[in-house]
Amino acid sequence: MISSSIFLGMIGAPQIILIVVVVLLLFGGKKIPELMRGLGSGIKEFKDASKDEKKEDKQ
């Protein structure tokens, strides 16, 4: 618990810029929108499934 709060406290603007640059170098500019679209659809499916579970629990 303590180590995670220390790690999160150390992330600043320079570290975020470095992460973005590394991601761009690894995946390229054309792959990033595809990855984000896939991530967004996965999150949407997860939310829909959790809503369905709540509806079934109520019934």
PDB file of N, CA and C in Angstrom:
ATOM      1  N   MET A   1       0.823  -1.186   0.000  1.00  0.00           N
ATOM      2  CA  MET A   1       0.000   0.000   0.000  1.00  0.00           C
ATOM      3  C   MET A   1       0.867   1.250   0.000  1.00  0.00           C
ATOM      4  N   ILE A   2       1.865   1.255   0.829  1.00  0.00           N
ATOM      5  CA  ILE A   2       2.740   2.422   0.925  1.00  0.00           C
ATOM      6  C   ILE A   2       3.546   2.589  -0.354  1.00  0.00           C
ATOM      7  N   SER A   3       4.030   1.489  -0.929  1.00  0.00           N
ATOM      8  CA  SER A   3       4.839   1.592  -2.134  1.00  0.00           C
ATOM      9  C   SER A   3       4.030   2.114  -3.310  1.00  0.00           C
ATOM     10  N   SER A   4       2.728   1.769  -3.402  1.00  0.00           N
ATOM     11  CA  SER A   4       1.919   2.278  -4.504  1.00  0.00           C
ATOM     12  C   SER A   4       1.672   3.773  -4.362  1.00  0.00           C
ATOM     13  N   SER A   5       1.488   4.259  -3.157  1.00  0.00           N
ATOM     14  CA  SER A   5       1.279   5.698  -2.980  1.00  0.00           C
ATOM     15  C   SER A   5       2.564   6.466  -3.259  1.00  0.00           C
ATOM     16  N   ILE A   6       3.694   5.890  -2.965  1.00  0.00           N
ATOM     17  CA  ILE A   6       4.967   6.541  -3.279  1.00  0.00           C
ATOM     18  C   ILE A   6       5.152   6.604  -4.785  1.00  0.00           C
ATOM     19  N   PHE A   7       4.830   5.518  -5.476  1.00  0.00           N
ATOM     20  CA  PHE A   7       4.969   5.476  -6.929  1.00  0.00           C
ATOM     21  C   PHE A   7       4.056   6.492  -7.595  1.00  0.00           C
ATOM     22  N   LEU A   8       2.806   6.572  -7.156  1.00  0.00           N
ATOM     23  CA  LEU A   8       1.863   7.501  -7.764  1.00  0.00           C
ATOM     24  C   LEU A   8       2.235   8.944  -7.470  1.00  0.00           C
ATOM     25  N   GLY A   9       2.864   9.189  -6.366  1.00  0.00           N
ATOM     26  CA  GLY A   9       3.273  10.539  -6.031  1.00  0.00           C
ATOM     27  C   GLY A   9       4.438  11.028  -6.868  1.00  0.00           C
ATOM     28  N   MET A  10       5.182  10.130  -7.469  1.00  0.00           N
ATOM     29  CA  MET A  10       6.360  10.500  -8.232  1.00  0.00           C
ATOM     30  C   MET A  10       6.072  10.763  -9.706  1.00  0.00           C
ATOM     31  N   ILE A  11       4.852  10.504 -10.183  1.00  0.00           N
ATOM     32  CA  ILE A  11       4.540  10.717 -11.591  1.00  0.00           C
ATOM     33  C   ILE A  11       4.187  12.180 -11.807  1.00  0.00           C
ATOM     34  N   GLY A  12       4.930  12.806 -12.700  1.00  0.00           N
ATOM     35  CA  GLY A  12       4.690  14.209 -13.017  1.00  0.00           C
ATOM     36  C   GLY A  12       4.599  14.395 -14.517  1.00  0.00           C
ATOM     37  N   ALA A  13       4.623  15.622 -14.958  1.00  0.00           N
ATOM     38  CA  ALA A  13       4.510  15.940 -16.382  1.00  0.00           C
ATOM     39  C   ALA A  13       5.652  15.325 -17.212  1.00  0.00           C
ATOM     40  N   PRO A  14       6.905  15.408 -16.771  1.00  0.00           N
ATOM     41  CA  PRO A  14       7.978  14.819 -17.579  1.00  0.00           C
ATOM     42  C   PRO A  14       7.834  13.298 -17.753  1.00  0.00           C
ATOM     43  N   GLN A  15       7.374  12.628 -16.716  1.00  0.00           N
ATOM     44  CA  GLN A  15       7.200  11.184 -16.807  1.00  0.00           C
ATOM     45  C   GLN A  15       6.056  10.823 -17.759  1.00  0.00           C
ATOM     46  N   ILE A  16       4.980  11.605 -17.723  1.00  0.00           N
ATOM     47  CA  ILE A  16       3.856  11.348 -18.618  1.00  0.00           C
ATOM     48  C   ILE A  16       4.267  11.581 -20.062  1.00  0.00           C
ATOM     49  N   ILE A  17       5.031  12.625 -20.318  1.00  0.00           N
ATOM     50  CA  ILE A  17       5.520  12.901 -21.676  1.00  0.00           C
ATOM     51  C   ILE A  17       6.408  11.763 -22.147  1.00  0.00           C
ATOM     52  N   LEU A  18       7.262  11.255 -21.295  1.00  0.00           N
ATOM     53  CA  LEU A  18       8.129  10.142 -21.644  1.00  0.00           C
ATOM     54  C   LEU A  18       7.309   8.891 -21.977  1.00  0.00           C
ATOM     55  N   ILE A  19       6.289   8.620 -21.208  1.00  0.00           N
ATOM     56  CA  ILE A  19       5.429   7.462 -21.465  1.00  0.00           C
ATOM     57  C   ILE A  19       4.735   7.607 -22.814  1.00  0.00           C
ATOM     58  N   VAL A  20       4.227   8.797 -23.115  1.00  0.00           N
ATOM     59  CA  VAL A  20       3.553   9.034 -24.393  1.00  0.00           C
ATOM     60  C   VAL A  20       4.517   8.833 -25.554  1.00  0.00           C
ATOM     61  N   VAL A  21       5.730   9.322 -25.425  1.00  0.00           N
ATOM     62  CA  VAL A  21       6.735   9.170 -26.491  1.00  0.00           C
ATOM     63  C   VAL A  21       7.067   7.701 -26.702  1.00  0.00           C
ATOM     64  N   VAL A  22       7.230   6.953 -25.631  1.00  0.00           N
ATOM     65  CA  VAL A  22       7.550   5.522 -25.749  1.00  0.00           C
ATOM     66  C   VAL A  22       6.400   4.778 -26.426  1.00  0.00           C
ATOM     67  N   VAL A  23       5.169   5.094 -26.053  1.00  0.00           N
ATOM     68  CA  VAL A  23       4.004   4.437 -26.670  1.00  0.00           C
ATOM     69  C   VAL A  23       3.953   4.761 -28.160  1.00  0.00           C
ATOM     70  N   LEU A  24       4.196   6.013 -28.516  1.00  0.00           N
ATOM     71  CA  LEU A  24       4.204   6.387 -29.930  1.00  0.00           C
ATOM     72  C   LEU A  24       5.291   5.656 -30.699  1.00  0.00           C
ATOM     73  N   LEU A  25       6.452   5.500 -30.087  1.00  0.00           N
ATOM     74  CA  LEU A  25       7.540   4.787 -30.753  1.00  0.00           C
ATOM     75  C   LEU A  25       7.227   3.304 -30.916  1.00  0.00           C
ATOM     76  N   LEU A  26       6.592   2.715 -29.909  1.00  0.00           N
ATOM     77  CA  LEU A  26       6.289   1.290 -29.967  1.00  0.00           C
ATOM     78  C   LEU A  26       5.178   0.970 -30.962  1.00  0.00           C
ATOM     79  N   PHE A  27       4.103   1.747 -30.939  1.00  0.00           N
ATOM     80  CA  PHE A  27       2.931   1.405 -31.731  1.00  0.00           C
ATOM     81  C   PHE A  27       2.777   2.238 -32.988  1.00  0.00           C
ATOM     82  N   GLY A  28       3.353   3.390 -33.054  1.00  0.00           N
ATOM     83  CA  GLY A  28       3.198   4.257 -34.213  1.00  0.00           C
ATOM     84  C   GLY A  28       1.913   5.054 -34.132  1.00  0.00           C
ATOM     85  N   GLY A  29       1.855   6.124 -34.901  1.00  0.00           N
ATOM     86  CA  GLY A  29       0.707   7.016 -34.869  1.00  0.00           C
ATOM     87  C   GLY A  29      -0.559   6.400 -35.423  1.00  0.00           C
ATOM     88  N   LYS A  30      -0.440   5.449 -36.348  1.00  0.00           N
ATOM     89  CA  LYS A  30      -1.630   4.867 -36.976  1.00  0.00           C
ATOM     90  C   LYS A  30      -2.293   3.813 -36.102  1.00  0.00           C
ATOM     91  N   LYS A  31      -1.536   3.167 -35.248  1.00  0.00           N
ATOM     92  CA  LYS A  31      -2.098   2.113 -34.398  1.00  0.00           C
ATOM     93  C   LYS A  31      -2.783   2.648 -33.152  1.00  0.00           C
ATOM     94  N   ILE A  32      -2.425   3.831 -32.699  1.00  0.00           N
ATOM     95  CA  ILE A  32      -2.978   4.386 -31.460  1.00  0.00           C
ATOM     96  C   ILE A  32      -4.501   4.525 -31.521  1.00  0.00           C
ATOM     97  N   PRO A  33      -5.086   5.095 -32.604  1.00  0.00           N
ATOM     98  CA  PRO A  33      -6.555   5.182 -32.636  1.00  0.00           C
ATOM     99  C   PRO A  33      -7.236   3.810 -32.602  1.00  0.00           C
ATOM    100  N   GLU A  34      -6.646   2.820 -33.263  1.00  0.00           N
ATOM    101  CA  GLU A  34      -7.200   1.462 -33.225  1.00  0.00           C
ATOM    102  C   GLU A  34      -7.172   0.901 -31.811  1.00  0.00           C
ATOM    103  N   LEU A  35      -6.081   1.109 -31.113  1.00  0.00           N
ATOM    104  CA  LEU A  35      -5.966   0.624 -29.741  1.00  0.00           C
ATOM    105  C   LEU A  35      -6.975   1.306 -28.826  1.00  0.00           C
ATOM    106  N   MET A  36      -7.148   2.611 -28.981  1.00  0.00           N
ATOM    107  CA  MET A  36      -8.094   3.349 -28.145  1.00  0.00           C
ATOM    108  C   MET A  36      -9.534   2.941 -28.455  1.00  0.00           C
ATOM    109  N   ARG A  37      -9.823   2.701 -29.741  1.00  0.00           N
ATOM    110  CA  ARG A  37     -11.162   2.260 -30.121  1.00  0.00           C
ATOM    111  C   ARG A  37     -11.462   0.903 -29.498  1.00  0.00           C
ATOM    112  N   GLY A  38     -10.489   0.010 -29.542  1.00  0.00           N
ATOM    113  CA  GLY A  38     -10.658  -1.307 -28.933  1.00  0.00           C
ATOM    114  C   GLY A  38     -10.823  -1.218 -27.429  1.00  0.00           C
ATOM    115  N   LEU A  39     -10.072  -0.359 -26.808  1.00  0.00           N
ATOM    116  CA  LEU A  39     -10.187  -0.163 -25.363  1.00  0.00           C
ATOM    117  C   LEU A  39     -11.555   0.405 -25.001  1.00  0.00           C
ATOM    118  N   GLY A  40     -12.019   1.373 -25.774  1.00  0.00           N
ATOM    119  CA  GLY A  40     -13.326   1.969 -25.519  1.00  0.00           C
ATOM    120  C   GLY A  40     -14.457   0.968 -25.686  1.00  0.00           C
ATOM    121  N   SER A  41     -14.385   0.139 -26.724  1.00  0.00           N
ATOM    122  CA  SER A  41     -15.444  -0.854 -26.924  1.00  0.00           C
ATOM    123  C   SER A  41     -15.409  -1.913 -25.826  1.00  0.00           C
ATOM    124  N   GLY A  42     -14.227  -2.257 -25.354  1.00  0.00           N
ATOM    125  CA  GLY A  42     -14.126  -3.218 -24.251  1.00  0.00           C
ATOM    126  C   GLY A  42     -14.737  -2.681 -22.971  1.00  0.00           C
ATOM    127  N   ILE A  43     -14.482  -1.408 -22.687  1.00  0.00           N
ATOM    128  CA  ILE A  43     -15.064  -0.787 -21.492  1.00  0.00           C
ATOM    129  C   ILE A  43     -16.574  -0.712 -21.620  1.00  0.00           C
ATOM    130  N   LYS A  44     -17.068  -0.376 -22.830  1.00  0.00           N
ATOM    131  CA  LYS A  44     -18.509  -0.295 -23.052  1.00  0.00           C
ATOM    132  C   LYS A  44     -19.164  -1.656 -22.850  1.00  0.00           C
ATOM    133  N   GLU A  45     -18.562  -2.712 -23.379  1.00  0.00           N
ATOM    134  CA  GLU A  45     -19.103  -4.059 -23.195  1.00  0.00           C
ATOM    135  C   GLU A  45     -19.118  -4.458 -21.721  1.00  0.00           C
ATOM    136  N   PHE A  46     -18.078  -4.084 -20.996  1.00  0.00           N
ATOM    137  CA  PHE A  46     -18.012  -4.388 -19.569  1.00  0.00           C
ATOM    138  C   PHE A  46     -19.126  -3.682 -18.809  1.00  0.00           C
ATOM    139  N   LYS A  47     -19.357  -2.409 -19.126  1.00  0.00           N
ATOM    140  CA  LYS A  47     -20.429  -1.660 -18.464  1.00  0.00           C
ATOM    141  C   LYS A  47     -21.788  -2.259 -18.787  1.00  0.00           C
ATOM    142  N   ASP A  48     -21.999  -2.627 -20.053  1.00  0.00           N
ATOM    143  CA  ASP A  48     -23.279  -3.236 -20.441  1.00  0.00           C
ATOM    144  C   ASP A  48     -23.496  -4.551 -19.711  1.00  0.00           C
ATOM    145  N   ALA A  49     -22.449  -5.348 -19.589  1.00  0.00           N
ATOM    146  CA  ALA A  49     -22.575  -6.630 -18.897  1.00  0.00           C
ATOM    147  C   ALA A  49     -22.870  -6.424 -17.417  1.00  0.00           C
ATOM    148  N   SER A  50     -22.245  -5.427 -16.811  1.00  0.00           N
ATOM    149  CA  SER A  50     -22.503  -5.178 -15.387  1.00  0.00           C
ATOM    150  C   SER A  50     -23.925  -4.661 -15.179  1.00  0.00           C
ATOM    151  N   LYS A  51     -24.444  -3.874 -16.114  1.00  0.00           N
ATOM    152  CA  LYS A  51     -25.832  -3.404 -16.018  1.00  0.00           C
ATOM    153  C   LYS A  51     -26.799  -4.586 -16.140  1.00  0.00           C
ATOM    154  N   ASP A  52     -26.498  -5.524 -17.048  1.00  0.00           N
ATOM    155  CA  ASP A  52     -27.345  -6.705 -17.214  1.00  0.00           C
ATOM    156  C   ASP A  52     -27.360  -7.543 -15.943  1.00  0.00           C
ATOM    157  N   GLU A  53     -26.209  -7.664 -15.297  1.00  0.00           N
ATOM    158  CA  GLU A  53     -26.126  -8.429 -14.055  1.00  0.00           C
ATOM    159  C   GLU A  53     -26.978  -7.783 -12.967  1.00  0.00           C
ATOM    160  N   LYS A  54     -26.944  -6.457 -12.894  1.00  0.00           N
ATOM    161  CA  LYS A  54     -27.738  -5.747 -11.865  1.00  0.00           C
ATOM    162  C   LYS A  54     -29.222  -5.942 -12.124  1.00  0.00           C
ATOM    163  N   LYS A  55     -29.642  -5.932 -13.399  1.00  0.00           N
ATOM    164  CA  LYS A  55     -31.048  -6.140 -13.736  1.00  0.00           C
ATOM    165  C   LYS A  55     -31.501  -7.542 -13.345  1.00  0.00           C
ATOM    166  N   GLU A  56     -30.633  -8.536 -13.601  1.00  0.00           N
ATOM    167  CA  GLU A  56     -30.969  -9.920 -13.261  1.00  0.00           C
ATOM    168  C   GLU A  56     -31.062 -10.105 -11.745  1.00  0.00           C
ATOM    169  N   ASP A  57     -30.190  -9.415 -11.005  1.00  0.00           N
ATOM    170  CA  ASP A  57     -30.222  -9.521  -9.546  1.00  0.00           C
ATOM    171  C   ASP A  57     -31.502  -8.930  -8.970  1.00  0.00           C
ATOM    172  N   LYS A  58     -32.015  -7.865  -9.570  1.00  0.00           N
ATOM    173  CA  LYS A  58     -33.233  -7.237  -9.082  1.00  0.00           C
ATOM    174  C   LYS A  58     -34.459  -8.120  -9.302  1.00  0.00           C
ATOM    175  N   GLN A  59     -34.415  -8.906 -10.371  1.00  0.00           N
ATOM    176  CA  GLN A  59     -35.556  -9.761 -10.685  1.00  0.00           C
ATOM    177  C   GLN A  59     -35.464 -11.011  -9.902  1.00  0.00           C
TER     178      GLN A  59
END
